[in-house]
PDB file of N, CA and C in Angstrom:
ATOM      1  N   MET A   1      19.641 -29.132 -44.896  1.00  0.00           N
ATOM      2  CA  MET A   1      19.663 -28.774 -43.483  1.00  0.00           C
ATOM      3  C   MET A   1      18.290 -29.086 -42.891  1.00  0.00           C
ATOM      4  N   SER A   2      18.257 -29.924 -41.854  1.00  0.00           N
ATOM      5  CA  SER A   2      16.992 -30.330 -41.251  1.00  0.00           C
ATOM      6  C   SER A   2      16.493 -29.275 -40.267  1.00  0.00           C
ATOM      7  N   ALA A   3      15.256 -29.458 -39.835  1.00  0.00           N
ATOM      8  CA  ALA A   3      14.663 -28.513 -38.885  1.00  0.00           C
ATOM      9  C   ALA A   3      15.396 -28.543 -37.552  1.00  0.00           C
ATOM     10  N   GLU A   4      15.905 -29.725 -37.194  1.00  0.00           N
ATOM     11  CA  GLU A   4      16.637 -29.831 -35.927  1.00  0.00           C
ATOM     12  C   GLU A   4      17.957 -29.069 -35.993  1.00  0.00           C
ATOM     13  N   ASP A   5      18.622 -29.076 -37.141  1.00  0.00           N
ATOM     14  CA  ASP A   5      19.876 -28.337 -37.300  1.00  0.00           C
ATOM     15  C   ASP A   5      19.653 -26.836 -37.202  1.00  0.00           C
ATOM     16  N   LYS A   6      18.483 -26.362 -37.612  1.00  0.00           N
ATOM     17  CA  LYS A   6      18.191 -24.929 -37.558  1.00  0.00           C
ATOM     18  C   LYS A   6      18.000 -24.445 -36.122  1.00  0.00           C
ATOM     19  N   GLU A   7      17.658 -25.365 -35.211  1.00  0.00           N
ATOM     20  CA  GLU A   7      17.445 -25.001 -33.815  1.00  0.00           C
ATOM     21  C   GLU A   7      18.737 -25.035 -33.013  1.00  0.00           C
ATOM     22  N   ASN A   8      19.823 -25.479 -33.611  1.00  0.00           N
ATOM     23  CA  ASN A   8      21.107 -25.585 -32.926  1.00  0.00           C
ATOM     24  C   ASN A   8      22.064 -24.533 -33.453  1.00  0.00           C
ATOM     25  N   ILE A   9      22.934 -24.065 -32.557  1.00  0.00           N
ATOM     26  CA  ILE A   9      24.013 -23.179 -32.961  1.00  0.00           C
ATOM     27  C   ILE A   9      25.320 -23.780 -32.449  1.00  0.00           C
ATOM     28  N   GLU A  10      26.421 -23.384 -33.044  1.00  0.00           N
ATOM     29  CA  GLU A  10      27.716 -23.912 -32.634  1.00  0.00           C
ATOM     30  C   GLU A  10      28.356 -22.974 -31.619  1.00  0.00           C
ATOM     31  N   VAL A  11      28.689 -23.529 -30.457  1.00  0.00           N
ATOM     32  CA  VAL A  11      29.359 -22.791 -29.394  1.00  0.00           C
ATOM     33  C   VAL A  11      30.559 -23.617 -28.968  1.00  0.00           C
ATOM     34  N   TRP A  12      31.750 -23.064 -29.135  1.00  0.00           N
ATOM     35  CA  TRP A  12      32.989 -23.750 -28.767  1.00  0.00           C
ATOM     36  C   TRP A  12      33.056 -25.136 -29.410  1.00  0.00           C
ATOM     37  N   GLU A  13      32.813 -25.192 -30.699  1.00  0.00           N
ATOM     38  CA  GLU A  13      32.886 -26.406 -31.502  1.00  0.00           C
ATOM     39  C   GLU A  13      31.936 -27.492 -31.018  1.00  0.00           C
ATOM     40  N   ASP A  14      30.791 -27.115 -30.474  1.00  0.00           N
ATOM     41  CA  ASP A  14      29.777 -28.062 -30.048  1.00  0.00           C
ATOM     42  C   ASP A  14      28.421 -27.495 -30.420  1.00  0.00           C
ATOM     43  N   LEU A  15      27.478 -28.341 -30.791  1.00  0.00           N
ATOM     44  CA  LEU A  15      26.136 -27.880 -31.143  1.00  0.00           C
ATOM     45  C   LEU A  15      25.292 -27.750 -29.886  1.00  0.00           C
ATOM     46  N   VAL A  16      24.602 -26.616 -29.764  1.00  0.00           N
ATOM     47  CA  VAL A  16      23.796 -26.313 -28.587  1.00  0.00           C
ATOM     48  C   VAL A  16      22.403 -25.935 -29.057  1.00  0.00           C
ATOM     49  N   HIS A  17      21.394 -26.469 -28.383  1.00  0.00           N
ATOM     50  CA  HIS A  17      20.015 -26.115 -28.682  1.00  0.00           C
ATOM     51  C   HIS A  17      19.766 -24.687 -28.198  1.00  0.00           C
ATOM     52  N   ILE A  18      19.220 -23.851 -29.055  1.00  0.00           N
ATOM     53  CA  ILE A  18      19.063 -22.425 -28.742  1.00  0.00           C
ATOM     54  C   ILE A  18      18.188 -22.219 -27.513  1.00  0.00           C
ATOM     55  N   LYS A  19      17.086 -22.953 -27.416  1.00  0.00           N
ATOM     56  CA  LYS A  19      16.171 -22.810 -26.281  1.00  0.00           C
ATOM     57  C   LYS A  19      16.878 -23.128 -24.961  1.00  0.00           C
ATOM     58  N   ASP A  20      17.652 -24.210 -24.936  1.00  0.00           N
ATOM     59  CA  ASP A  20      18.374 -24.584 -23.716  1.00  0.00           C
ATOM     60  C   ASP A  20      19.427 -23.549 -23.348  1.00  0.00           C
ATOM     61  N   LEU A  21      20.092 -22.986 -24.352  1.00  0.00           N
ATOM     62  CA  LEU A  21      21.100 -21.954 -24.107  1.00  0.00           C
ATOM     63  C   LEU A  21      20.472 -20.714 -23.485  1.00  0.00           C
ATOM     64  N   VAL A  22      19.333 -20.284 -24.011  1.00  0.00           N
ATOM     65  CA  VAL A  22      18.653 -19.097 -23.479  1.00  0.00           C
ATOM     66  C   VAL A  22      18.173 -19.352 -22.052  1.00  0.00           C
ATOM     67  N   ILE A  23      17.628 -20.541 -21.796  1.00  0.00           N
ATOM     68  CA  ILE A  23      17.154 -20.873 -20.444  1.00  0.00           C
ATOM     69  C   ILE A  23      18.320 -20.863 -19.455  1.00  0.00           C
ATOM     70  N   SER A  24      19.438 -21.471 -19.819  1.00  0.00           N
ATOM     71  CA  SER A  24      20.572 -21.513 -18.895  1.00  0.00           C
ATOM     72  C   SER A  24      21.171 -20.117 -18.680  1.00  0.00           C
ATOM     73  N   LEU A  25      21.221 -19.307 -19.731  1.00  0.00           N
ATOM     74  CA  LEU A  25      21.713 -17.930 -19.557  1.00  0.00           C
ATOM     75  C   LEU A  25      20.794 -17.135 -18.631  1.00  0.00           C
ATOM     76  N   ALA A  26      19.490 -17.320 -18.766  1.00  0.00           N
ATOM     77  CA  ALA A  26      18.546 -16.608 -17.898  1.00  0.00           C
ATOM     78  C   ALA A  26      18.702 -17.055 -16.449  1.00  0.00           C
ATOM     79  N   ILE A  27      18.813 -18.357 -16.227  1.00  0.00           N
ATOM     80  CA  ILE A  27      18.967 -18.877 -14.860  1.00  0.00           C
ATOM     81  C   ILE A  27      20.241 -18.335 -14.224  1.00  0.00           C
ATOM     82  N   CYS A  28      21.353 -18.413 -14.935  1.00  0.00           N
ATOM     83  CA  CYS A  28      22.631 -17.950 -14.384  1.00  0.00           C
ATOM     84  C   CYS A  28      22.649 -16.438 -14.165  1.00  0.00           C
ATOM     85  N   SER A  29      22.022 -15.695 -15.059  1.00  0.00           N
ATOM     86  CA  SER A  29      21.971 -14.238 -14.898  1.00  0.00           C
ATOM     87  C   SER A  29      21.152 -13.847 -13.679  1.00  0.00           C
ATOM     88  N   VAL A  30      20.006 -14.488 -13.505  1.00  0.00           N
ATOM     89  CA  VAL A  30      19.134 -14.163 -12.368  1.00  0.00           C
ATOM     90  C   VAL A  30      19.807 -14.516 -11.044  1.00  0.00           C
ATOM     91  N   THR A  31      20.417 -15.692 -10.970  1.00  0.00           N
ATOM     92  CA  THR A  31      21.048 -16.075  -9.702  1.00  0.00           C
ATOM     93  C   THR A  31      22.287 -15.231  -9.398  1.00  0.00           C
ATOM     94  N   SER A  32      23.070 -14.894 -10.414  1.00  0.00           N
ATOM     95  CA  SER A  32      24.253 -14.054 -10.186  1.00  0.00           C
ATOM     96  C   SER A  32      23.864 -12.650  -9.752  1.00  0.00           C
ATOM     97  N   LEU A  33      22.931 -12.061 -10.469  1.00  0.00           N
ATOM     98  CA  LEU A  33      22.487 -10.708 -10.127  1.00  0.00           C
ATOM     99  C   LEU A  33      21.759 -10.692  -8.787  1.00  0.00           C
ATOM    100  N   GLY A  34      20.983 -11.731  -8.527  1.00  0.00           N
ATOM    101  CA  GLY A  34      20.298 -11.836  -7.234  1.00  0.00           C
ATOM    102  C   GLY A  34      21.281 -11.909  -6.085  1.00  0.00           C
ATOM    103  N   GLY A  35      22.325 -12.717  -6.242  1.00  0.00           N
ATOM    104  CA  GLY A  35      23.354 -12.802  -5.208  1.00  0.00           C
ATOM    105  C   GLY A  35      24.067 -11.486  -5.010  1.00  0.00           C
ATOM    106  N   TYR A  36      24.327 -10.787  -6.109  1.00  0.00           N
ATOM    107  CA  TYR A  36      24.998  -9.491  -6.039  1.00  0.00           C
ATOM    108  C   TYR A  36      24.134  -8.462  -5.314  1.00  0.00           C
ATOM    109  N   LEU A  37      22.843  -8.470  -5.611  1.00  0.00           N
ATOM    110  CA  LEU A  37      21.952  -7.452  -5.037  1.00  0.00           C
ATOM    111  C   LEU A  37      21.614  -7.693  -3.570  1.00  0.00           C
ATOM    112  N   ILE A  38      21.615  -8.946  -3.111  1.00  0.00           N
ATOM    113  CA  ILE A  38      21.266  -9.195  -1.709  1.00  0.00           C
ATOM    114  C   ILE A  38      22.480  -9.135  -0.787  1.00  0.00           C
ATOM    115  N   ALA A  39      23.665  -8.969  -1.345  1.00  0.00           N
ATOM    116  CA  ALA A  39      24.893  -8.971  -0.548  1.00  0.00           C
ATOM    117  C   ALA A  39      25.017  -7.688   0.259  1.00  0.00           C
ATOM    118  N   PRO A  40      25.610  -7.800   1.464  1.00  0.00           N
ATOM    119  CA  PRO A  40      25.892  -6.597   2.239  1.00  0.00           C
ATOM    120  C   PRO A  40      27.009  -5.777   1.586  1.00  0.00           C
ATOM    121  N   GLU A  41      27.235  -4.580   2.101  1.00  0.00           N
ATOM    122  CA  GLU A  41      28.247  -3.674   1.534  1.00  0.00           C
ATOM    123  C   GLU A  41      29.654  -4.222   1.690  1.00  0.00           C
ATOM    124  N   GLY A  42      30.594  -3.642   0.987  1.00  0.00           N
ATOM    125  CA  GLY A  42      31.994  -4.058   1.068  1.00  0.00           C
ATOM    126  C   GLY A  42      32.350  -4.958  -0.087  1.00  0.00           C
ATOM    127  N   GLN A  43      33.191  -5.933   0.187  1.00  0.00           N
ATOM    128  CA  GLN A  43      33.606  -6.863  -0.857  1.00  0.00           C
ATOM    129  C   GLN A  43      32.659  -8.042  -1.005  1.00  0.00           C
ATOM    130  N   GLN A  44      31.629  -8.091  -0.213  1.00  0.00           N
ATOM    131  CA  GLN A  44      30.705  -9.217  -0.233  1.00  0.00           C
ATOM    132  C   GLN A  44      29.932  -9.376  -1.540  1.00  0.00           C
ATOM    133  N   PRO A  45      29.576  -8.300  -2.292  1.00  0.00           N
ATOM    134  CA  PRO A  45      28.821  -8.505  -3.533  1.00  0.00           C
ATOM    135  C   PRO A  45      29.532  -9.408  -4.536  1.00  0.00           C
ATOM    136  N   LEU A  46      30.860  -9.332  -4.607  1.00  0.00           N
ATOM    137  CA  LEU A  46      31.595 -10.196  -5.524  1.00  0.00           C
ATOM    138  C   LEU A  46      31.441 -11.660  -5.131  1.00  0.00           C
ATOM    139  N   ILE A  47      31.601 -11.948  -3.867  1.00  0.00           N
ATOM    140  CA  ILE A  47      31.500 -13.328  -3.387  1.00  0.00           C
ATOM    141  C   ILE A  47      30.079 -13.853  -3.571  1.00  0.00           C
ATOM    142  N   TYR A  48      29.092 -13.059  -3.219  1.00  0.00           N
ATOM    143  CA  TYR A  48      27.693 -13.475  -3.361  1.00  0.00           C
ATOM    144  C   TYR A  48      27.336 -13.659  -4.837  1.00  0.00           C
ATOM    145  N   GLY A  49      27.851 -12.807  -5.703  1.00  0.00           N
ATOM    146  CA  GLY A  49      27.606 -12.946  -7.136  1.00  0.00           C
ATOM    147  C   GLY A  49      28.226 -14.212  -7.688  1.00  0.00           C
ATOM    148  N   LEU A  50      29.437 -14.537  -7.252  1.00  0.00           N
ATOM    149  CA  LEU A  50      30.083 -15.774  -7.697  1.00  0.00           C
ATOM    150  C   LEU A  50      29.346 -17.009  -7.179  1.00  0.00           C
ATOM    151  N   ILE A  51      28.896 -16.955  -5.935  1.00  0.00           N
ATOM    152  CA  ILE A  51      28.104 -18.060  -5.390  1.00  0.00           C
ATOM    153  C   ILE A  51      26.807 -18.201  -6.177  1.00  0.00           C
ATOM    154  N   GLY A  52      26.195 -17.076  -6.535  1.00  0.00           N
ATOM    155  CA  GLY A  52      24.988 -17.113  -7.355  1.00  0.00           C
ATOM    156  C   GLY A  52      25.240 -17.717  -8.721  1.00  0.00           C
ATOM    157  N   ALA A  53      26.393 -17.427  -9.316  1.00  0.00           N
ATOM    158  CA  ALA A  53      26.740 -18.001 -10.614  1.00  0.00           C
ATOM    159  C   ALA A  53      26.908 -19.517 -10.516  1.00  0.00           C
ATOM    160  N   VAL A  54      27.556 -19.978  -9.459  1.00  0.00           N
ATOM    161  CA  VAL A  54      27.737 -21.421  -9.261  1.00  0.00           C
ATOM    162  C   VAL A  54      26.386 -22.097  -9.035  1.00  0.00           C
ATOM    163  N   LEU A  55      25.528 -21.477  -8.219  1.00  0.00           N
ATOM    164  CA  LEU A  55      24.191 -22.038  -7.997  1.00  0.00           C
ATOM    165  C   LEU A  55      23.376 -22.056  -9.291  1.00  0.00           C
ATOM    166  N   GLY A  56      23.538 -21.031 -10.113  1.00  0.00           N
ATOM    167  CA  GLY A  56      22.860 -21.008 -11.411  1.00  0.00           C
ATOM    168  C   GLY A  56      23.355 -22.114 -12.321  1.00  0.00           C
ATOM    169  N   PHE A  57      24.657 -22.368 -12.310  1.00  0.00           N
ATOM    170  CA  PHE A  57      25.219 -23.452 -13.110  1.00  0.00           C
ATOM    171  C   PHE A  57      24.681 -24.798 -12.649  1.00  0.00           C
ATOM    172  N   ILE A  58      24.649 -25.011 -11.344  1.00  0.00           N
ATOM    173  CA  ILE A  58      24.133 -26.275 -10.807  1.00  0.00           C
ATOM    174  C   ILE A  58      22.658 -26.439 -11.172  1.00  0.00           C
ATOM    175  N   THR A  59      21.885 -25.378 -11.038  1.00  0.00           N
ATOM    176  CA  THR A  59      20.472 -25.422 -11.390  1.00  0.00           C
ATOM    177  C   THR A  59      20.288 -25.714 -12.876  1.00  0.00           C
ATOM    178  N   SER A  60      21.102 -25.118 -13.716  1.00  0.00           N
ATOM    179  CA  SER A  60      21.009 -25.346 -15.159  1.00  0.00           C
ATOM    180  C   SER A  60      21.321 -26.794 -15.507  1.00  0.00           C
ATOM    181  N   THR A  61      22.297 -27.387 -14.834  1.00  0.00           N
ATOM    182  CA  THR A  61      22.630 -28.781 -15.128  1.00  0.00           C
ATOM    183  C   THR A  61      21.527 -29.729 -14.672  1.00  0.00           C
ATOM    184  N   ILE A  62      20.765 -29.337 -13.661  1.00  0.00           N
ATOM    185  CA  ILE A  62      19.645 -30.170 -13.210  1.00  0.00           C
ATOM    186  C   ILE A  62      18.442 -30.001 -14.138  1.00  0.00           C
ATOM    187  N   VAL A  63      18.165 -28.767 -14.546  1.00  0.00           N
ATOM    188  CA  VAL A  63      16.982 -28.478 -15.360  1.00  0.00           C
ATOM    189  C   VAL A  63      17.154 -28.972 -16.796  1.00  0.00           C
ATOM    190  N   ILE A  64      18.316 -28.785 -17.381  1.00  0.00           N
ATOM    191  CA  ILE A  64      18.547 -29.115 -18.787  1.00  0.00           C
ATOM    192  C   ILE A  64      19.312 -30.424 -18.868  1.00  0.00           C
ATOM    193  N   LYS A  65      18.677 -31.427 -19.429  1.00  0.00           N
ATOM    194  CA  LYS A  65      19.280 -32.750 -19.549  1.00  0.00           C
ATOM    195  C   LYS A  65      20.111 -32.832 -20.833  1.00  0.00           C
ATOM    196  N   PRO A  66      21.222 -33.555 -20.804  1.00  0.00           N
ATOM    197  CA  PRO A  66      22.040 -33.711 -22.008  1.00  0.00           C
ATOM    198  C   PRO A  66      21.293 -34.491 -23.090  1.00  0.00           C
ATOM    199  N   LYS A  67      21.538 -34.127 -24.335  1.00  0.00           N
ATOM    200  CA  LYS A  67      20.873 -34.780 -25.450  1.00  0.00           C
ATOM    201  C   LYS A  67      21.852 -35.531 -26.340  1.00  0.00           C
ATOM    202  N   ARG A  68      23.056 -35.677 -25.891  1.00  0.00           N
ATOM    203  CA  ARG A  68      24.103 -36.323 -26.678  1.00  0.00           C
ATOM    204  C   ARG A  68      24.014 -37.830 -26.495  1.00  0.00           C
ATOM    205  N   ASN A  69      24.149 -38.560 -27.597  1.00  0.00           N
ATOM    206  CA  ASN A  69      24.161 -40.007 -27.574  1.00  0.00           C
ATOM    207  C   ASN A  69      25.554 -40.491 -27.974  1.00  0.00           C
ATOM    208  N   PHE A  70      26.120 -41.358 -27.166  1.00  0.00           N
ATOM    209  CA  PHE A  70      27.414 -41.921 -27.465  1.00  0.00           C
ATOM    210  C   PHE A  70      27.231 -43.363 -27.924  1.00  0.00           C
ATOM    211  N   SER A  71      27.983 -43.738 -28.923  1.00  0.00           N
ATOM    212  CA  SER A  71      27.972 -45.134 -29.355  1.00  0.00           C
ATOM    213  C   SER A  71      29.406 -45.596 -29.509  1.00  0.00           C
ATOM    214  N   TYR A  72      29.662 -46.794 -29.062  1.00  0.00           N
ATOM    215  CA  TYR A  72      31.006 -47.358 -29.102  1.00  0.00           C
ATOM    216  C   TYR A  72      31.111 -48.245 -30.333  1.00  0.00           C
ATOM    217  N   THR A  73      32.128 -47.998 -31.118  1.00  0.00           N
ATOM    218  CA  THR A  73      32.374 -48.856 -32.279  1.00  0.00           C
ATOM    219  C   THR A  73      33.750 -49.480 -32.138  1.00  0.00           C
ATOM    220  N   ASP A  74      33.793 -50.765 -32.357  1.00  0.00           N
ATOM    221  CA  ASP A  74      35.053 -51.490 -32.271  1.00  0.00           C
ATOM    222  C   ASP A  74      35.830 -51.302 -33.561  1.00  0.00           C
ATOM    223  N   GLU A  75      37.087 -50.930 -33.473  1.00  0.00           N
ATOM    224  CA  GLU A  75      37.862 -50.610 -34.659  1.00  0.00           C
ATOM    225  C   GLU A  75      38.480 -51.827 -35.326  1.00  0.00           C
ATOM    226  N   GLU A  76      38.335 -52.986 -34.755  1.00  0.00           N
ATOM    227  CA  GLU A  76      38.932 -54.188 -35.349  1.00  0.00           C
ATOM    228  C   GLU A  76      38.056 -54.787 -36.404  1.00  0.00           C
TER     229      GLU A  76
END
């Protein structure tokens, strides 16, 4: 087992770098909770929290670049 394998964990049958996972969880948690806390009373906290979650997801996809390499092999 290499050092790079030790830094990855399996999530939904895919390998994920632990550092990137923690960063994305922190970003999404902060934006969701922030949206929930700044929302006015009533049913608005749910909507603001969901908008915060979507904004956190978008931010995470911009901040964390994919590390997967694809190669095409001809089967003939």
